[in-house]
């Protein structure tokens, strides 16, 4: 059987999560609204990159009813979900953010919420955004930083050190603000603002956290999960360890950190 490429794995994970995404995407909705709120002008032609189920697209259409809004996503299923959520959009397109199917200088505003952490080629992705943005255009986006799931990563590292295996799929490595800034500037953008925010979300237990990640399609596409290790006694021990070390004050739930990075860029 032919091994799937990185992009195919990302696309499949999010396509499988299309029907469950909105059930688990509370944080994603909050971040989408904050990302749209970074726009500091009245746009006329907007591109939503990584539209998912339409959280950003719907907000853009509500705030800027006179603007032309286009929504793209790598997952055709997600594009279909956005189409169902709002039919007023001017274009629904299945597309790769590293190869946007638009002419140069097409949009005066680009918005993207929690999408760019999934690209393996930040330089190409940023260059494409720069290409399709008009001069003096605005690009606002949010992404995940390296401290995301730092509790889970600590558990992984400690158990792997003592047992040689951890029972969980490998952690996802998210780019730092320095790495992102380097790619952004190399593409030609000027960084007008960068905000970092760590947010804790609470879950019943580790299993609920993992279910949430699966429900939104946020699984590590680089390494297949070892299902023989991720089941049974070992995973239960990991869950108990997580609860002992990263519980809320009342001990009723566990928490996980999301390292959020918000960028406001200009094309000069």
Protein backbone atom coordinates (compact mmCIF):
# COMPACT_ATOMS: atom_id res chain seq x y z
CA UNK A 1 0.00 0.00 0.00
CA UNK A 2 1.33 3.44 -0.96
CA UNK A 3 2.20 5.66 1.98
CA UNK A 4 0.08 8.79 2.14
CA UNK A 5 1.83 12.13 1.88
CA UNK A 6 1.80 14.61 4.75
CA UNK A 7 -0.84 16.76 3.04
CA UNK A 8 -3.01 13.73 2.29
CA UNK A 9 -2.91 12.76 5.96
CA UNK A 10 -3.86 16.28 7.04
CA UNK A 11 -6.67 16.39 4.50
CA UNK A 12 -8.04 13.00 5.53
CA UNK A 13 -7.92 13.79 9.25
CA UNK A 14 -9.92 16.97 8.83
CA UNK A 15 -12.29 15.43 6.31
CA UNK A 16 -13.10 12.65 8.77
CA UNK A 17 -13.71 15.27 11.46
CA UNK A 18 -16.12 17.39 9.39
CA UNK A 19 -19.28 16.10 11.07
CA UNK A 20 -17.85 16.17 14.60
CA UNK A 21 -15.82 19.37 14.35
CA UNK A 22 -18.41 21.84 15.62
CA UNK A 23 -19.17 19.62 18.63
CA UNK A 24 -15.59 19.89 19.91
CA UNK A 25 -14.41 23.22 18.46
CA UNK A 26 -15.22 25.66 21.28
CA UNK A 27 -11.69 27.02 21.42
CA UNK A 28 -11.52 27.20 17.64
CA UNK A 29 -14.67 29.34 17.51
CA UNK A 30 -13.28 31.73 20.12
CA UNK A 31 -9.98 32.08 18.28
CA UNK A 32 -11.75 32.59 14.94
CA UNK A 33 -13.68 35.59 16.32
CA UNK A 34 -10.53 37.10 17.84
CA UNK A 35 -8.66 36.63 14.58
CA UNK A 36 -11.33 38.40 12.52
CA UNK A 37 -11.28 41.16 15.13
CA UNK A 38 -7.69 41.97 14.15
CA UNK A 39 -8.84 43.51 10.86
CA UNK A 40 -8.31 47.28 11.18
CA UNK A 41 -9.91 48.51 7.94
CA UNK A 42 -13.02 47.92 5.84
CA UNK A 43 -12.11 45.22 3.33
CA UNK A 44 -13.61 44.86 -0.11
CA UNK A 45 -12.29 41.47 -1.18
CA UNK A 46 -11.41 38.89 1.50
CA UNK A 47 -9.88 35.42 1.44
CA UNK A 48 -10.48 32.99 4.32
CA UNK A 49 -7.68 30.42 4.25
CA UNK A 50 -8.49 27.16 6.05
CA UNK A 51 -12.20 27.89 6.35
CA UNK A 52 -13.05 24.65 8.20
CA UNK A 53 -16.75 24.60 8.96
CA UNK A 54 -17.16 28.32 8.35
CA UNK A 55 -16.57 30.14 11.65
CA UNK A 56 -14.39 32.85 10.12
CA UNK A 57 -16.41 33.06 6.89
CA UNK A 58 -19.68 33.61 8.72
CA UNK A 59 -18.19 36.35 10.88
CA UNK A 60 -16.68 38.10 7.86
CA UNK A 61 -20.02 38.09 6.02
CA UNK A 62 -21.76 39.47 9.11
CA UNK A 63 -19.27 42.27 9.68
CA UNK A 64 -18.59 43.13 6.03
CA UNK A 65 -21.79 42.38 4.04
CA UNK A 66 -20.63 44.47 1.07
CA UNK A 67 -17.31 42.65 0.69
CA UNK A 68 -16.58 39.77 -1.67
CA UNK A 69 -15.62 36.79 0.52
CA UNK A 70 -13.91 33.63 -0.71
CA UNK A 71 -13.35 30.52 1.44
CA UNK A 72 -10.71 27.86 0.79
CA UNK A 73 -9.67 24.69 2.59
CA UNK A 74 -7.51 21.68 1.81
CA UNK A 75 -10.43 19.41 2.76
CA UNK A 76 -13.27 19.28 0.24
CA UNK A 77 -15.58 18.09 3.03
CA UNK A 78 -14.78 21.15 5.12
CA UNK A 79 -15.44 23.43 2.15
CA UNK A 80 -18.80 21.71 1.80
CA UNK A 81 -19.55 22.37 5.47
CA UNK A 82 -18.81 26.07 5.01
CA UNK A 83 -21.07 26.12 1.97
CA UNK A 84 -23.88 24.64 4.07
CA UNK A 85 -23.24 27.15 6.87
CA UNK A 86 -23.43 30.22 4.65
CA UNK A 87 -24.45 30.43 1.02
CA UNK A 88 -23.75 34.16 0.70
CA UNK A 89 -20.04 33.55 0.20
CA UNK A 90 -18.73 34.51 -3.26
CA UNK A 91 -16.57 31.40 -3.68
CA UNK A 92 -16.03 28.00 -2.04
CA UNK A 93 -12.80 26.41 -3.23
CA UNK A 94 -10.85 23.29 -2.29
CA UNK A 95 -7.26 24.50 -2.36
CA UNK A 96 -3.82 24.19 -0.80
CA UNK A 97 -2.50 27.25 1.03
CA UNK A 98 0.90 26.51 -0.50
CA UNK A 99 -0.57 26.80 -4.03
CA UNK A 100 -3.48 29.25 -3.97
CA UNK A 101 -5.52 29.22 -7.21
CA UNK A 102 -5.75 33.01 -7.54
CA UNK A 103 -4.02 35.67 -9.59
CA UNK A 104 -1.51 38.03 -8.05
CA UNK A 105 -2.92 40.90 -5.96
CA UNK A 106 -6.48 39.48 -5.91
CA UNK A 107 -7.42 40.29 -2.29
CA UNK A 108 -7.04 43.33 -0.05
CA UNK A 109 -7.51 41.21 3.09
CA UNK A 110 -6.58 37.65 4.05
CA UNK A 111 -7.76 35.96 7.24
CA UNK A 112 -6.75 32.56 8.58
CA UNK A 113 -7.54 31.00 11.95
CA UNK A 114 -5.56 28.03 13.33
CA UNK A 115 -4.47 26.75 9.93
CA UNK A 116 -0.84 27.62 9.31
CA UNK A 117 0.43 25.23 12.00
CA UNK A 118 -0.36 22.42 9.57
CA UNK A 119 1.93 23.54 6.74
CA UNK A 120 5.38 21.98 6.47
CA UNK A 121 6.66 24.77 4.24
CA UNK A 122 6.06 28.08 6.00
CA UNK A 123 8.19 29.99 3.53
CA UNK A 124 6.12 28.82 0.55
CA UNK A 125 2.84 29.32 2.41
CA UNK A 126 3.73 32.89 3.36
CA UNK A 127 5.01 33.65 -0.13
CA UNK A 128 1.66 32.52 -1.58
CA UNK A 129 -0.30 34.72 0.81
CA UNK A 130 1.94 37.65 -0.12
CA UNK A 131 1.46 36.97 -3.82
CA UNK A 132 -2.34 37.03 -3.81
CA UNK A 133 -2.56 40.07 -1.50
CA UNK A 134 -2.71 43.54 -3.01
CA UNK A 135 -0.26 46.29 -2.03
CA UNK A 136 -1.16 47.85 1.34
CA UNK A 137 -3.26 44.74 1.99
CA UNK A 138 -3.77 43.18 5.41
CA UNK A 139 -3.11 39.57 6.44
CA UNK A 140 -4.28 38.53 9.91
CA UNK A 141 -3.89 35.00 11.20
CA UNK A 142 -3.73 32.89 14.33
CA UNK A 143 -1.73 29.74 14.85
CA UNK A 144 -0.49 27.43 17.60
CA UNK A 145 2.88 27.93 19.25
CA UNK A 146 5.33 25.38 20.68
CA UNK A 147 3.93 25.37 24.22
CA UNK A 148 0.64 23.94 23.02
CA UNK A 149 -0.15 20.73 24.95
CA UNK A 150 2.97 21.20 27.07
CA UNK A 151 1.43 19.06 29.83
CA UNK A 152 0.86 16.14 27.48
CA UNK A 153 4.33 16.54 25.99
CA UNK A 154 5.84 16.45 29.50
CA UNK A 155 4.00 13.21 30.25
CA UNK A 156 5.20 11.72 26.96
CA UNK A 157 8.82 12.65 27.62
CA UNK A 158 8.87 11.36 31.21
CA UNK A 159 7.24 8.03 30.44
CA UNK A 160 9.34 7.49 27.34
CA UNK A 161 12.45 8.13 29.46
CA UNK A 162 11.49 5.57 32.10
CA UNK A 163 9.80 2.87 30.00
CA UNK A 164 11.04 3.35 26.45
CA UNK A 165 7.49 3.81 25.18
CA UNK A 166 4.69 6.23 25.94
CA UNK A 167 1.49 4.74 24.53
CA UNK A 168 0.61 7.93 22.68
CA UNK A 169 1.19 9.16 19.16
CA UNK A 170 4.21 11.51 18.99
CA UNK A 171 3.70 15.15 19.88
CA UNK A 172 3.16 17.73 17.16
CA UNK A 173 5.94 20.30 16.90
CA UNK A 174 4.55 23.79 16.30
CA UNK A 175 6.73 26.65 15.05
CA UNK A 176 7.85 29.37 17.45
CA UNK A 177 7.08 33.04 16.91
CA UNK A 178 10.72 33.56 15.88
CA UNK A 179 10.51 30.91 13.16
CA UNK A 180 7.18 32.26 11.97
CA UNK A 181 8.48 35.83 11.95
CA UNK A 182 11.48 34.84 9.88
CA UNK A 183 9.27 33.23 7.21
CA UNK A 184 6.85 36.17 7.31
CA UNK A 185 9.58 38.76 6.76
CA UNK A 186 11.29 36.67 4.08
CA UNK A 187 8.01 36.67 2.13
CA UNK A 188 7.99 40.47 2.21
CA UNK A 189 5.43 41.19 4.92
CA UNK A 190 5.78 43.78 7.64
CA UNK A 191 4.69 42.59 11.09
CA UNK A 192 2.44 45.25 12.57
CA UNK A 193 1.47 43.30 15.67
CA UNK A 194 2.16 39.97 17.35
CA UNK A 195 0.26 38.80 20.39
CA UNK A 196 1.00 35.60 22.31
CA UNK A 197 -1.55 34.15 24.71
CA UNK A 198 -1.61 30.89 26.65
CA UNK A 199 -5.11 29.57 27.27
CA UNK A 200 -6.06 26.61 29.46
CA UNK A 201 -9.00 24.43 28.53
CA UNK A 202 -10.47 21.87 30.91
CA UNK A 203 -11.49 18.29 30.17
CA UNK A 204 -12.97 15.43 32.17
CA UNK A 205 -9.77 13.44 31.76
CA UNK A 206 -7.01 12.67 29.26
CA UNK A 207 -9.35 10.49 27.23
CA UNK A 208 -11.72 13.45 26.81
CA UNK A 209 -8.82 15.60 25.60
CA UNK A 210 -7.75 12.98 23.07
CA UNK A 211 -11.36 12.59 21.92
CA UNK A 212 -11.56 16.34 21.38
CA UNK A 213 -8.38 16.37 19.29
CA UNK A 214 -9.68 13.51 17.18
CA UNK A 215 -13.06 15.24 16.88
CA UNK A 216 -11.52 18.34 15.31
CA UNK A 217 -9.01 16.41 13.18
CA UNK A 218 -5.96 17.65 15.12
CA UNK A 219 -3.92 14.45 14.99
CA UNK A 220 -0.21 14.22 14.23
CA UNK A 221 0.03 13.57 10.48
CA UNK A 222 3.77 12.83 10.51
CA UNK A 223 3.74 9.53 12.38
CA UNK A 224 1.03 6.87 12.48
CA UNK A 225 -0.38 6.12 15.91
CA UNK A 226 0.81 2.85 17.44
CA UNK A 227 -2.57 1.42 18.28
CA UNK A 228 -1.14 -1.52 20.19
CA UNK A 229 0.46 0.85 22.68
CA UNK A 230 -2.34 3.40 22.76
CA UNK A 231 -4.84 0.94 24.23
CA UNK A 232 -5.38 -0.76 27.57
CA UNK A 233 -3.29 -0.64 30.70
CA UNK A 234 -0.50 1.64 29.49
CA UNK A 235 -2.82 4.41 28.32
CA UNK A 236 -4.81 4.15 31.57
CA UNK A 237 -1.59 4.61 33.53
CA UNK A 238 -0.75 7.65 31.43
CA UNK A 239 -4.21 9.08 32.05
CA UNK A 240 -3.86 8.56 35.80
CA UNK A 241 -0.44 10.23 35.71
CA UNK A 242 -1.89 13.19 33.82
CA UNK A 243 -4.72 13.56 36.35
CA UNK A 244 -2.28 13.50 39.27
CA UNK A 245 -0.07 16.21 37.82
CA UNK A 246 -2.36 18.44 35.78
CA UNK A 247 -5.72 18.55 37.53
CA UNK A 248 -7.82 21.61 38.22
CA UNK A 249 -7.88 22.93 41.80
CA UNK A 250 -11.01 20.97 42.67
CA UNK A 251 -9.50 17.79 41.23
CA UNK A 252 -12.55 17.16 39.09
CA UNK A 253 -10.97 17.82 35.70
CA UNK A 254 -7.62 18.07 33.93
CA UNK A 255 -6.33 21.01 31.92
CA UNK A 256 -4.36 21.48 28.71
CA UNK A 257 -2.55 24.57 27.46
CA UNK A 258 -3.00 26.12 24.03
CA UNK A 259 -0.19 28.49 23.03
CA UNK A 260 -1.94 30.97 20.74
CA UNK A 261 -0.11 33.35 18.42
CA UNK A 262 -1.94 36.18 16.66
CA UNK A 263 -0.26 38.07 13.81
CA UNK A 264 -1.25 41.24 11.98
CA UNK A 265 0.72 41.74 8.77
CA UNK A 266 0.90 44.37 6.03
CA UNK A 267 2.06 44.12 2.45
CA UNK A 268 3.93 47.36 1.81
